[in-house]
């Protein structure tokens, strides 16, 4: 068993050591769960979702037809024009 040390900031935040992040395959924006067991120990686990939980999550954004590259380019150009003003 390996032990890693991190300091709690004034806001109650800690940095998860890189070797732990790598071992748990954590990326920026990932969620983690802190589990307090019966021995008073804290277990850190990545929060993952099952495929059935996210299936259809984006269906409300589905278009009736695929968008072409040209339409995407036009939308990006329009966004840039709108935000530049």
Protein backbone atom coordinates (compact mmCIF):
# COMPACT_ATOMS: atom_id res chain seq x y z
CA UNK A 1 0.00 0.00 0.00
CA UNK A 2 1.30 3.46 -0.93
CA UNK A 3 0.61 6.63 1.02
CA UNK A 4 0.40 10.10 -0.53
CA UNK A 5 0.20 13.40 1.32
CA UNK A 6 -1.65 16.53 0.27
CA UNK A 7 -2.38 19.77 2.14
CA UNK A 8 -5.89 21.10 2.77
CA UNK A 9 -6.27 24.71 1.60
CA UNK A 10 -8.18 27.42 3.44
CA UNK A 11 -11.18 26.61 1.20
CA UNK A 12 -11.04 22.92 2.15
CA UNK A 13 -9.57 21.84 -1.18
CA UNK A 14 -6.82 19.30 -1.75
CA UNK A 15 -4.79 18.38 -4.79
CA UNK A 16 -5.01 14.71 -5.70
CA UNK A 17 -1.43 13.56 -6.35
CA UNK A 18 -0.67 12.88 -10.01
CA UNK A 19 0.16 9.23 -9.44
CA UNK A 20 -3.27 8.73 -7.82
CA UNK A 21 -5.04 10.61 -10.66
CA UNK A 22 -3.18 8.49 -13.20
CA UNK A 23 -3.99 5.26 -11.38
CA UNK A 24 -7.71 6.16 -11.21
CA UNK A 25 -7.66 7.51 -14.80
CA UNK A 26 -9.01 10.87 -13.59
CA UNK A 27 -9.18 13.79 -15.98
CA UNK A 28 -10.03 17.45 -15.47
CA UNK A 29 -13.74 17.76 -14.73
CA UNK A 30 -14.16 14.17 -13.53
CA UNK A 31 -16.12 13.64 -10.35
CA UNK A 32 -14.91 11.67 -7.36
CA UNK A 33 -16.73 10.15 -4.40
CA UNK A 34 -15.46 10.21 -0.81
CA UNK A 35 -16.65 7.19 1.17
CA UNK A 36 -16.20 7.16 4.95
CA UNK A 37 -15.95 3.52 6.05
CA UNK A 38 -16.63 1.96 9.47
CA UNK A 39 -12.96 2.29 10.48
CA UNK A 40 -13.00 6.07 9.98
CA UNK A 41 -11.01 5.82 6.77
CA UNK A 42 -11.89 7.72 3.63
CA UNK A 43 -11.93 5.89 0.31
CA UNK A 44 -11.68 7.97 -2.88
CA UNK A 45 -13.47 6.52 -5.92
CA UNK A 46 -14.06 7.94 -9.38
CA UNK A 47 -17.75 8.48 -10.10
CA UNK A 48 -18.60 6.65 -13.27
CA UNK A 49 -21.86 6.23 -15.06
CA UNK A 50 -23.23 3.13 -16.68
CA UNK A 51 -24.10 3.31 -20.35
CA UNK A 52 -27.79 2.83 -19.57
CA UNK A 53 -27.71 5.94 -17.38
CA UNK A 54 -26.50 8.18 -20.19
CA UNK A 55 -28.21 6.50 -23.14
CA UNK A 56 -30.30 9.04 -24.99
CA UNK A 57 -28.94 11.95 -22.94
CA UNK A 58 -28.29 14.03 -26.05
CA UNK A 59 -31.37 12.97 -28.00
CA UNK A 60 -33.11 16.30 -27.38
CA UNK A 61 -30.39 17.93 -29.49
CA UNK A 62 -30.87 15.57 -32.42
CA UNK A 63 -31.44 17.26 -35.77
CA UNK A 64 -33.85 15.90 -38.33
CA UNK A 65 -30.90 15.65 -40.74
CA UNK A 66 -27.12 15.69 -40.33
CA UNK A 67 -25.43 19.09 -40.43
CA UNK A 68 -22.89 19.61 -43.21
CA UNK A 69 -19.34 20.87 -42.71
CA UNK A 70 -20.30 24.06 -44.55
CA UNK A 71 -23.22 24.65 -42.18
CA UNK A 72 -20.91 24.13 -39.20
CA UNK A 73 -18.38 26.59 -40.68
CA UNK A 74 -21.15 29.14 -41.25
CA UNK A 75 -22.43 28.74 -37.69
CA UNK A 76 -18.93 29.22 -36.26
CA UNK A 77 -18.34 32.29 -38.44
CA UNK A 78 -21.69 33.75 -37.36
CA UNK A 79 -20.86 33.13 -33.69
CA UNK A 80 -17.52 34.88 -34.11
CA UNK A 81 -19.24 37.85 -35.79
CA UNK A 82 -21.87 38.02 -33.05
CA UNK A 83 -19.38 37.87 -30.16
CA UNK A 84 -16.86 40.26 -31.74
CA UNK A 85 -19.30 43.17 -31.65
